[in-house]
Amino acid sequence: MCNLETEGTKYICGHYIITKKLCKHDCWNPRCIHSASHPNPCHNCQCDRYLGPDLKETVTASSRDFCPECKPWYRGPLGELMRR
């Protein structure tokens, strides 16, 4: 699987959300759809369609708020307690 180097925001819930993709590291696997060595065309393609975990995550901003996915779950007293 190919991997990315990214920049992003780290939220109080611990999640990291990518704001910028810096570069891709190629795995050179012909069975990876993101690789430069993947054949084109690849008929009835059953190749890997997902990127691997980020090779490098650079935190460019930290937020004292919850990420958009967690925000609905942490409204109220529990969310206020975690933000302190």
PDB file of N, CA and C in Angstrom:
ATOM      1  N   MET A   1       0.827  -1.187   0.000  1.00  0.00           N
ATOM      2  CA  MET A   1       0.000   0.000   0.000  1.00  0.00           C
ATOM      3  C   MET A   1       0.869   1.248   0.000  1.00  0.00           C
ATOM      4  N   CYS A   2       0.438   2.221  -0.756  1.00  0.00           N
ATOM      5  CA  CYS A   2       1.124   3.507  -0.765  1.00  0.00           C
ATOM      6  C   CYS A   2       0.753   4.287   0.498  1.00  0.00           C
ATOM      7  N   ASN A   3       1.609   5.211   0.891  1.00  0.00           N
ATOM      8  CA  ASN A   3       1.390   6.016   2.095  1.00  0.00           C
ATOM      9  C   ASN A   3       1.554   7.491   1.770  1.00  0.00           C
ATOM     10  N   LEU A   4       0.968   8.336   2.620  1.00  0.00           N
ATOM     11  CA  LEU A   4       1.056   9.784   2.444  1.00  0.00           C
ATOM     12  C   LEU A   4       1.828  10.431   3.582  1.00  0.00           C
ATOM     13  N   GLU A   5       2.450  11.562   3.281  1.00  0.00           N
ATOM     14  CA  GLU A   5       2.943  12.478   4.313  1.00  0.00           C
ATOM     15  C   GLU A   5       1.933  13.612   4.339  1.00  0.00           C
ATOM     16  N   THR A   6       1.439  13.956   5.550  1.00  0.00           N
ATOM     17  CA  THR A   6       0.355  14.929   5.648  1.00  0.00           C
ATOM     18  C   THR A   6       0.612  15.979   6.720  1.00  0.00           C
ATOM     19  N   GLU A   7      -0.147  17.067   6.613  1.00  0.00           N
ATOM     20  CA  GLU A   7      -0.250  18.077   7.665  1.00  0.00           C
ATOM     21  C   GLU A   7      -1.712  18.107   8.076  1.00  0.00           C
ATOM     22  N   GLY A   8      -1.966  18.410   9.362  1.00  0.00           N
ATOM     23  CA  GLY A   8      -3.353  18.438   9.791  1.00  0.00           C
ATOM     24  C   GLY A   8      -3.549  19.025  11.168  1.00  0.00           C
ATOM     25  N   THR A   9      -4.785  18.958  11.621  1.00  0.00           N
ATOM     26  CA  THR A   9      -5.204  19.503  12.910  1.00  0.00           C
ATOM     27  C   THR A   9      -5.463  18.365  13.884  1.00  0.00           C
ATOM     28  N   LYS A  10      -4.957  18.504  15.103  1.00  0.00           N
ATOM     29  CA  LYS A  10      -5.186  17.526  16.173  1.00  0.00           C
ATOM     30  C   LYS A  10      -6.251  18.103  17.104  1.00  0.00           C
ATOM     31  N   TYR A  11      -7.289  17.333  17.372  1.00  0.00           N
ATOM     32  CA  TYR A  11      -8.403  17.772  18.206  1.00  0.00           C
ATOM     33  C   TYR A  11      -8.289  17.200  19.609  1.00  0.00           C
ATOM     34  N   ILE A  12      -9.062  17.761  20.538  1.00  0.00           N
ATOM     35  CA  ILE A  12      -9.013  17.349  21.938  1.00  0.00           C
ATOM     36  C   ILE A  12      -9.424  15.882  22.117  1.00  0.00           C
ATOM     37  N   CYS A  13     -10.231  15.364  21.197  1.00  0.00           N
ATOM     38  CA  CYS A  13     -10.670  13.967  21.269  1.00  0.00           C
ATOM     39  C   CYS A  13      -9.561  13.010  20.827  1.00  0.00           C
ATOM     40  N   GLY A  14      -8.464  13.558  20.282  1.00  0.00           N
ATOM     41  CA  GLY A  14      -7.344  12.726  19.851  1.00  0.00           C
ATOM     42  C   GLY A  14      -7.312  12.468  18.353  1.00  0.00           C
ATOM     43  N   HIS A  15      -8.376  12.822  17.651  1.00  0.00           N
ATOM     44  CA  HIS A  15      -8.403  12.604  16.214  1.00  0.00           C
ATOM     45  C   HIS A  15      -7.540  13.628  15.481  1.00  0.00           C
ATOM     46  N   TYR A  16      -7.000  13.195  14.371  1.00  0.00           N
ATOM     47  CA  TYR A  16      -6.157  14.013  13.496  1.00  0.00           C
ATOM     48  C   TYR A  16      -6.869  14.095  12.154  1.00  0.00           C
ATOM     49  N   ILE A  17      -7.111  15.313  11.676  1.00  0.00           N
ATOM     50  CA  ILE A  17      -7.779  15.490  10.389  1.00  0.00           C
ATOM     51  C   ILE A  17      -6.815  16.180   9.429  1.00  0.00           C
ATOM     52  N   ILE A  18      -6.609  15.548   8.293  1.00  0.00           N
ATOM     53  CA  ILE A  18      -5.684  16.048   7.280  1.00  0.00           C
ATOM     54  C   ILE A  18      -6.206  17.352   6.684  1.00  0.00           C
ATOM     55  N   THR A  19      -5.320  18.345   6.622  1.00  0.00           N
ATOM     56  CA  THR A  19      -5.648  19.596   5.942  1.00  0.00           C
ATOM     57  C   THR A  19      -4.846  19.741   4.652  1.00  0.00           C
ATOM     58  N   LYS A  20      -3.715  19.019   4.558  1.00  0.00           N
ATOM     59  CA  LYS A  20      -2.881  19.118   3.361  1.00  0.00           C
ATOM     60  C   LYS A  20      -2.113  17.813   3.161  1.00  0.00           C
ATOM     61  N   LYS A  21      -2.159  17.292   1.946  1.00  0.00           N
ATOM     62  CA  LYS A  21      -1.366  16.118   1.582  1.00  0.00           C
ATOM     63  C   LYS A  21      -0.072  16.616   0.949  1.00  0.00           C
ATOM     64  N   LEU A  22       1.061  16.288   1.573  1.00  0.00           N
ATOM     65  CA  LEU A  22       2.350  16.796   1.105  1.00  0.00           C
ATOM     66  C   LEU A  22       2.930  15.964  -0.032  1.00  0.00           C
ATOM     67  N   CYS A  23       2.984  14.660   0.156  1.00  0.00           N
ATOM     68  CA  CYS A  23       3.512  13.798  -0.900  1.00  0.00           C
ATOM     69  C   CYS A  23       3.069  12.359  -0.665  1.00  0.00           C
ATOM     70  N   LYS A  24       3.182  11.562  -1.731  1.00  0.00           N
ATOM     71  CA  LYS A  24       2.825  10.145  -1.669  1.00  0.00           C
ATOM     72  C   LYS A  24       4.095   9.321  -1.791  1.00  0.00           C
ATOM     73  N   HIS A  25       4.216   8.297  -0.963  1.00  0.00           N
ATOM     74  CA  HIS A  25       5.327   7.352  -1.055  1.00  0.00           C
ATOM     75  C   HIS A  25       4.807   6.098  -1.751  1.00  0.00           C
ATOM     76  N   ASP A  26       5.364   5.828  -2.903  1.00  0.00           N
ATOM     77  CA  ASP A  26       4.900   4.727  -3.741  1.00  0.00           C
ATOM     78  C   ASP A  26       5.426   3.394  -3.216  1.00  0.00           C
ATOM     79  N   CYS A  27       4.553   2.395  -3.163  1.00  0.00           N
ATOM     80  CA  CYS A  27       4.953   1.055  -2.704  1.00  0.00           C
ATOM     81  C   CYS A  27       5.470   0.200  -3.866  1.00  0.00           C
ATOM     82  N   TRP A  28       5.282   0.646  -5.084  1.00  0.00           N
ATOM     83  CA  TRP A  28       5.708  -0.035  -6.303  1.00  0.00           C
ATOM     84  C   TRP A  28       5.106  -1.429  -6.435  1.00  0.00           C
ATOM     85  N   ASN A  29       3.931  -1.625  -5.884  1.00  0.00           N
ATOM     86  CA  ASN A  29       3.230  -2.901  -5.976  1.00  0.00           C
ATOM     87  C   ASN A  29       2.225  -2.821  -7.127  1.00  0.00           C
ATOM     88  N   PRO A  30       2.319  -3.700  -8.118  1.00  0.00           N
ATOM     89  CA  PRO A  30       1.379  -3.644  -9.236  1.00  0.00           C
ATOM     90  C   PRO A  30      -0.066  -3.954  -8.830  1.00  0.00           C
ATOM     91  N   ARG A  31      -0.276  -4.490  -7.627  1.00  0.00           N
ATOM     92  CA  ARG A  31      -1.633  -4.776  -7.136  1.00  0.00           C
ATOM     93  C   ARG A  31      -2.214  -3.612  -6.327  1.00  0.00           C
ATOM     94  N   CYS A  32      -1.517  -2.493  -6.248  1.00  0.00           N
ATOM     95  CA  CYS A  32      -1.987  -1.292  -5.539  1.00  0.00           C
ATOM     96  C   CYS A  32      -2.428  -0.266  -6.581  1.00  0.00           C
ATOM     97  N   ILE A  33      -3.686   0.136  -6.538  1.00  0.00           N
ATOM     98  CA  ILE A  33      -4.244   1.042  -7.545  1.00  0.00           C
ATOM     99  C   ILE A  33      -3.602   2.432  -7.512  1.00  0.00           C
ATOM    100  N   HIS A  34      -2.989   2.823  -6.390  1.00  0.00           N
ATOM    101  CA  HIS A  34      -2.360   4.138  -6.256  1.00  0.00           C
ATOM    102  C   HIS A  34      -0.904   4.150  -6.728  1.00  0.00           C
ATOM    103  N   SER A  35      -0.348   2.978  -7.002  1.00  0.00           N
ATOM    104  CA  SER A  35       1.065   2.871  -7.372  1.00  0.00           C
ATOM    105  C   SER A  35       1.296   3.187  -8.849  1.00  0.00           C
ATOM    106  N   ALA A  36       2.464   3.743  -9.129  1.00  0.00           N
ATOM    107  CA  ALA A  36       2.844   4.022 -10.514  1.00  0.00           C
ATOM    108  C   ALA A  36       3.041   2.730 -11.305  1.00  0.00           C
ATOM    109  N   SER A  37       3.267   1.604 -10.627  1.00  0.00           N
ATOM    110  CA  SER A  37       3.473   0.336 -11.322  1.00  0.00           C
ATOM    111  C   SER A  37       2.166  -0.427 -11.556  1.00  0.00           C
ATOM    112  N   HIS A  38       1.028   0.144 -11.172  1.00  0.00           N
ATOM    113  CA  HIS A  38      -0.272  -0.489 -11.410  1.00  0.00           C
ATOM    114  C   HIS A  38      -0.580  -0.430 -12.905  1.00  0.00           C
ATOM    115  N   PRO A  39      -0.937  -1.571 -13.532  1.00  0.00           N
ATOM    116  CA  PRO A  39      -1.198  -1.568 -14.971  1.00  0.00           C
ATOM    117  C   PRO A  39      -2.447  -0.752 -15.325  1.00  0.00           C
ATOM    118  N   ASN A  40      -2.376  -0.101 -16.482  1.00  0.00           N
ATOM    119  CA  ASN A  40      -3.519   0.672 -16.960  1.00  0.00           C
ATOM    120  C   ASN A  40      -3.747   0.316 -18.422  1.00  0.00           C
ATOM    121  N   PRO A  41      -4.836  -0.262 -18.819  1.00  0.00           N
ATOM    122  CA  PRO A  41      -6.006  -0.580 -18.009  1.00  0.00           C
ATOM    123  C   PRO A  41      -5.811  -1.876 -17.226  1.00  0.00           C
ATOM    124  N   CYS A  42      -6.539  -1.984 -16.142  1.00  0.00           N
ATOM    125  CA  CYS A  42      -6.530  -3.185 -15.296  1.00  0.00           C
ATOM    126  C   CYS A  42      -7.965  -3.721 -15.316  1.00  0.00           C
ATOM    127  N   HIS A  43      -8.238  -4.658 -16.197  1.00  0.00           N
ATOM    128  CA  HIS A  43      -9.592  -5.173 -16.392  1.00  0.00           C
ATOM    129  C   HIS A  43     -10.074  -5.948 -15.168  1.00  0.00           C
ATOM    130  N   ASN A  44     -11.332  -5.734 -14.788  1.00  0.00           N
ATOM    131  CA  ASN A  44     -11.930  -6.374 -13.601  1.00  0.00           C
ATOM    132  C   ASN A  44     -11.028  -6.183 -12.389  1.00  0.00           C
ATOM    133  N   CYS A  45     -10.610  -4.967 -12.181  1.00  0.00           N
ATOM    134  CA  CYS A  45      -9.619  -4.627 -11.156  1.00  0.00           C
ATOM    135  C   CYS A  45     -10.078  -5.030  -9.751  1.00  0.00           C
ATOM    136  N   GLN A  46      -9.308  -5.902  -9.122  1.00  0.00           N
ATOM    137  CA  GLN A  46      -9.538  -6.326  -7.739  1.00  0.00           C
ATOM    138  C   GLN A  46      -8.383  -5.865  -6.847  1.00  0.00           C
ATOM    139  N   CYS A  47      -7.662  -4.862  -7.308  1.00  0.00           N
ATOM    140  CA  CYS A  47      -6.459  -4.392  -6.612  1.00  0.00           C
ATOM    141  C   CYS A  47      -6.805  -3.580  -5.363  1.00  0.00           C
ATOM    142  N   ASP A  48      -5.804  -3.416  -4.470  1.00  0.00           N
ATOM    143  CA  ASP A  48      -5.976  -2.616  -3.250  1.00  0.00           C
ATOM    144  C   ASP A  48      -6.353  -1.193  -3.626  1.00  0.00           C
ATOM    145  N   ARG A  49      -7.414  -0.674  -3.006  1.00  0.00           N
ATOM    146  CA  ARG A  49      -7.909   0.666  -3.326  1.00  0.00           C
ATOM    147  C   ARG A  49      -7.686   1.659  -2.193  1.00  0.00           C
ATOM    148  N   TYR A  50      -7.039   1.236  -1.133  1.00  0.00           N
ATOM    149  CA  TYR A  50      -6.872   2.100   0.032  1.00  0.00           C
ATOM    150  C   TYR A  50      -5.404   2.421   0.255  1.00  0.00           C
ATOM    151  N   LEU A  51      -5.162   3.605   0.786  1.00  0.00           N
ATOM    152  CA  LEU A  51      -3.810   3.988   1.178  1.00  0.00           C
ATOM    153  C   LEU A  51      -3.509   3.410   2.555  1.00  0.00           C
ATOM    154  N   GLY A  52      -2.254   3.155   2.827  1.00  0.00           N
ATOM    155  CA  GLY A  52      -1.848   2.697   4.147  1.00  0.00           C
ATOM    156  C   GLY A  52      -1.879   3.855   5.137  1.00  0.00           C
ATOM    157  N   PRO A  53      -1.500   3.607   6.385  1.00  0.00           N
ATOM    158  CA  PRO A  53      -1.471   4.692   7.372  1.00  0.00           C
ATOM    159  C   PRO A  53      -0.482   5.777   6.952  1.00  0.00           C
ATOM    160  N   ASP A  54      -0.743   6.989   7.401  1.00  0.00           N
ATOM    161  CA  ASP A  54       0.151   8.097   7.050  1.00  0.00           C
ATOM    162  C   ASP A  54       1.573   7.768   7.479  1.00  0.00           C
ATOM    163  N   LEU A  55       2.500   7.994   6.576  1.00  0.00           N
ATOM    164  CA  LEU A  55       3.911   7.757   6.869  1.00  0.00           C
ATOM    165  C   LEU A  55       4.420   8.797   7.858  1.00  0.00           C
ATOM    166  N   LYS A  56       3.926  10.029   7.708  1.00  0.00           N
ATOM    167  CA  LYS A  56       4.320  11.112   8.609  1.00  0.00           C
ATOM    168  C   LYS A  56       3.138  12.061   8.763  1.00  0.00           C
ATOM    169  N   GLU A  57       2.765  12.347  10.010  1.00  0.00           N
ATOM    170  CA  GLU A  57       1.697  13.298  10.314  1.00  0.00           C
ATOM    171  C   GLU A  57       2.309  14.493  11.032  1.00  0.00           C
ATOM    172  N   THR A  58       2.227  15.662  10.427  1.00  0.00           N
ATOM    173  CA  THR A  58       2.725  16.887  11.038  1.00  0.00           C
ATOM    174  C   THR A  58       1.534  17.682  11.544  1.00  0.00           C
ATOM    175  N   VAL A  59       1.478  17.904  12.860  1.00  0.00           N
ATOM    176  CA  VAL A  59       0.380  18.667  13.451  1.00  0.00           C
ATOM    177  C   VAL A  59       0.687  20.149  13.271  1.00  0.00           C
ATOM    178  N   THR A  60      -0.148  20.833  12.477  1.00  0.00           N
ATOM    179  CA  THR A  60       0.045  22.262  12.218  1.00  0.00           C
ATOM    180  C   THR A  60      -0.852  23.124  13.092  1.00  0.00           C
ATOM    181  N   ALA A  61      -1.883  22.508  13.696  1.00  0.00           N
ATOM    182  CA  ALA A  61      -2.785  23.246  14.587  1.00  0.00           C
ATOM    183  C   ALA A  61      -3.375  22.275  15.596  1.00  0.00           C
ATOM    184  N   SER A  62      -3.606  22.772  16.805  1.00  0.00           N
ATOM    185  CA  SER A  62      -4.285  21.997  17.844  1.00  0.00           C
ATOM    186  C   SER A  62      -5.568  22.723  18.200  1.00  0.00           C
ATOM    187  N   SER A  63      -6.628  21.956  18.369  1.00  0.00           N
ATOM    188  CA  SER A  63      -7.920  22.555  18.681  1.00  0.00           C
ATOM    189  C   SER A  63      -8.396  22.090  20.050  1.00  0.00           C
ATOM    190  N   ARG A  64      -8.952  23.008  20.829  1.00  0.00           N
ATOM    191  CA  ARG A  64      -9.528  22.671  22.135  1.00  0.00           C
ATOM    192  C   ARG A  64     -10.980  22.228  21.968  1.00  0.00           C
ATOM    193  N   ASP A  65     -11.377  21.957  20.747  1.00  0.00           N
ATOM    194  CA  ASP A  65     -12.731  21.501  20.451  1.00  0.00           C
ATOM    195  C   ASP A  65     -12.666  20.052  19.975  1.00  0.00           C
ATOM    196  N   PHE A  66     -13.820  19.429  19.828  1.00  0.00           N
ATOM    197  CA  PHE A  66     -13.896  18.066  19.318  1.00  0.00           C
ATOM    198  C   PHE A  66     -13.960  18.098  17.793  1.00  0.00           C
ATOM    199  N   CYS A  67     -13.512  17.032  17.168  1.00  0.00           N
ATOM    200  CA  CYS A  67     -13.582  16.944  15.711  1.00  0.00           C
ATOM    201  C   CYS A  67     -15.051  16.878  15.288  1.00  0.00           C
ATOM    202  N   PRO A  68     -15.344  17.134  14.018  1.00  0.00           N
ATOM    203  CA  PRO A  68     -16.738  17.117  13.567  1.00  0.00           C
ATOM    204  C   PRO A  68     -17.460  15.792  13.816  1.00  0.00           C
ATOM    205  N   GLU A  69     -16.741  14.670  13.804  1.00  0.00           N
ATOM    206  CA  GLU A  69     -17.379  13.373  14.046  1.00  0.00           C
ATOM    207  C   GLU A  69     -17.727  13.164  15.520  1.00  0.00           C
ATOM    208  N   CYS A  70     -16.910  13.679  16.426  1.00  0.00           N
ATOM    209  CA  CYS A  70     -17.127  13.477  17.863  1.00  0.00           C
ATOM    210  C   CYS A  70     -18.028  14.536  18.492  1.00  0.00           C
ATOM    211  N   LYS A  71     -18.094  15.703  17.885  1.00  0.00           N
ATOM    212  CA  LYS A  71     -18.815  16.831  18.481  1.00  0.00           C
ATOM    213  C   LYS A  71     -20.241  16.475  18.916  1.00  0.00           C
ATOM    214  N   PRO A  72     -21.040  15.765  18.107  1.00  0.00           N
ATOM    215  CA  PRO A  72     -22.400  15.439  18.554  1.00  0.00           C
ATOM    216  C   PRO A  72     -22.438  14.558  19.807  1.00  0.00           C
ATOM    217  N   TRP A  73     -21.392  13.766  20.037  1.00  0.00           N
ATOM    218  CA  TRP A  73     -21.372  12.842  21.173  1.00  0.00           C
ATOM    219  C   TRP A  73     -20.918  13.503  22.471  1.00  0.00           C
ATOM    220  N   TYR A  74     -20.222  14.618  22.375  1.00  0.00           N
ATOM    221  CA  TYR A  74     -19.657  15.253  23.564  1.00  0.00           C
ATOM    222  C   TYR A  74     -20.265  16.609  23.881  1.00  0.00           C
ATOM    223  N   ARG A  75     -21.505  16.827  23.500  1.00  0.00           N
ATOM    224  CA  ARG A  75     -22.208  18.040  23.918  1.00  0.00           C
ATOM    225  C   ARG A  75     -22.609  17.870  25.373  1.00  0.00           C
ATOM    226  N   GLY A  76     -22.618  18.949  26.112  1.00  0.00           N
ATOM    227  CA  GLY A  76     -23.071  18.891  27.497  1.00  0.00           C
ATOM    228  C   GLY A  76     -21.936  18.808  28.490  1.00  0.00           C
ATOM    229  N   PRO A  77     -22.236  18.332  29.726  1.00  0.00           N
ATOM    230  CA  PRO A  77     -21.270  18.367  30.829  1.00  0.00           C
ATOM    231  C   PRO A  77     -19.994  17.556  30.575  1.00  0.00           C
ATOM    232  N   LEU A  78     -20.096  16.406  29.940  1.00  0.00           N
ATOM    233  CA  LEU A  78     -18.903  15.587  29.701  1.00  0.00           C
ATOM    234  C   LEU A  78     -17.937  16.317  28.768  1.00  0.00           C
ATOM    235  N   GLY A  79     -18.449  16.923  27.728  1.00  0.00           N
ATOM    236  CA  GLY A  79     -17.607  17.678  26.801  1.00  0.00           C
ATOM    237  C   GLY A  79     -16.941  18.861  27.471  1.00  0.00           C
ATOM    238  N   GLU A  80     -17.676  19.564  28.320  1.00  0.00           N
ATOM    239  CA  GLU A  80     -17.105  20.709  29.040  1.00  0.00           C
ATOM    240  C   GLU A  80     -15.996  20.251  29.979  1.00  0.00           C
ATOM    241  N   LEU A  81     -16.187  19.111  30.632  1.00  0.00           N
ATOM    242  CA  LEU A  81     -15.189  18.563  31.550  1.00  0.00           C
ATOM    243  C   LEU A  81     -13.902  18.202  30.797  1.00  0.00           C
ATOM    244  N   MET A  82     -14.018  17.616  29.616  1.00  0.00           N
ATOM    245  CA  MET A  82     -12.835  17.219  28.840  1.00  0.00           C
ATOM    246  C   MET A  82     -12.077  18.422  28.293  1.00  0.00           C
ATOM    247  N   ARG A  83     -12.758  19.535  28.021  1.00  0.00           N
ATOM    248  CA  ARG A  83     -12.112  20.717  27.441  1.00  0.00           C
ATOM    249  C   ARG A  83     -11.296  21.494  28.453  1.00  0.00           C
ATOM    250  N   ARG A  84     -11.490  21.245  29.730  1.00  0.00           N
ATOM    251  CA  ARG A  84     -10.768  22.009  30.766  1.00  0.00           C
ATOM    252  C   ARG A  84      -9.324  21.636  30.829  1.00  0.00           C
TER     253      ARG A  84
END
